[in-house]
Protein backbone atom coordinates (compact mmCIF):
# COMPACT_ATOMS: atom_id res chain seq x y z
CA MET A 1 -57.59 -53.23 -48.42
CA LEU A 2 -57.23 -50.76 -51.27
CA SER A 3 -60.11 -49.03 -53.00
CA LEU A 4 -59.42 -47.57 -56.43
CA LYS A 5 -61.60 -45.65 -58.88
CA VAL A 6 -61.12 -47.20 -62.32
CA SER A 7 -62.44 -45.91 -65.66
CA GLY A 8 -63.61 -47.92 -68.62
CA MET A 9 -64.79 -51.16 -67.02
CA THR A 10 -67.97 -52.31 -68.75
CA CYS A 11 -68.20 -56.08 -68.32
CA GLY A 12 -66.91 -59.21 -66.64
CA GLY A 13 -64.11 -59.40 -69.19
CA CYS A 14 -62.84 -56.03 -67.97
CA ILE A 15 -62.89 -57.26 -64.39
CA ASN A 16 -61.00 -60.39 -65.45
CA ALA A 17 -58.35 -58.29 -67.21
CA VAL A 18 -57.85 -56.15 -64.10
CA THR A 19 -57.73 -59.25 -61.89
CA ARG A 20 -55.12 -60.91 -64.12
CA ALA A 21 -52.98 -57.75 -64.12
CA ILE A 22 -52.94 -57.62 -60.32
CA GLN A 23 -52.53 -61.37 -59.78
CA ALA A 24 -49.58 -61.47 -62.20
CA GLN A 25 -47.62 -59.56 -59.53
CA ASP A 26 -49.46 -60.83 -56.42
CA PRO A 27 -50.98 -64.27 -57.06
CA GLN A 28 -52.69 -64.25 -53.64
CA ALA A 29 -54.50 -60.94 -54.30
CA LYS A 30 -58.27 -60.78 -53.97
CA VAL A 31 -60.03 -58.44 -56.38
CA SER A 32 -63.66 -57.36 -56.35
CA ALA A 33 -65.17 -54.78 -58.66
CA ASP A 34 -68.36 -52.79 -58.95
CA LEU A 35 -69.13 -51.85 -62.54
CA ASP A 36 -71.83 -49.35 -61.54
CA THR A 37 -69.50 -47.24 -59.40
CA GLN A 38 -66.33 -48.09 -61.39
CA THR A 39 -64.49 -49.04 -58.20
CA ILE A 40 -62.19 -51.91 -57.37
CA GLU A 41 -61.46 -53.26 -53.92
CA LEU A 42 -58.10 -55.02 -53.60
CA LYS A 43 -56.70 -57.16 -50.85
CA THR A 44 -53.07 -57.26 -51.89
CA SER A 45 -49.52 -56.80 -50.68
CA LEU A 46 -48.90 -54.34 -53.53
CA SER A 47 -48.77 -50.61 -52.87
CA SER A 48 -51.60 -48.48 -54.22
CA GLU A 49 -49.15 -46.88 -56.67
CA ILE A 50 -48.01 -50.20 -58.11
CA ALA A 51 -51.55 -51.62 -58.23
CA GLY A 52 -52.80 -48.46 -59.92
CA GLN A 53 -50.03 -48.60 -62.52
CA LEU A 54 -50.71 -52.28 -63.28
CA ILE A 55 -54.42 -51.56 -63.78
CA THR A 56 -53.66 -48.52 -65.94
CA ASP A 57 -51.21 -50.58 -68.00
CA ALA A 58 -54.00 -53.13 -68.54
CA GLY A 59 -56.02 -50.37 -70.21
CA PHE A 60 -58.18 -49.09 -67.35
CA PRO A 61 -57.08 -45.66 -66.10
CA VAL A 62 -57.07 -45.24 -62.33
CA SER A 63 -58.27 -41.93 -60.85
CA ARG A 64 -56.50 -40.67 -57.78
């Protein structure tokens, strides 16, 4: 399970965009997000670097 700090998420649409970005590369991935803490929990076969880049590319910068 990966936990990433993500900036700019404000609504369910943001969570959906992040989920789509991850699931485009790993269709079996499970994504849960907390808008209050701006964190995402991922259950995925992707590395944290690849997942972080996909989320950043979707418009939500990942803090390391």
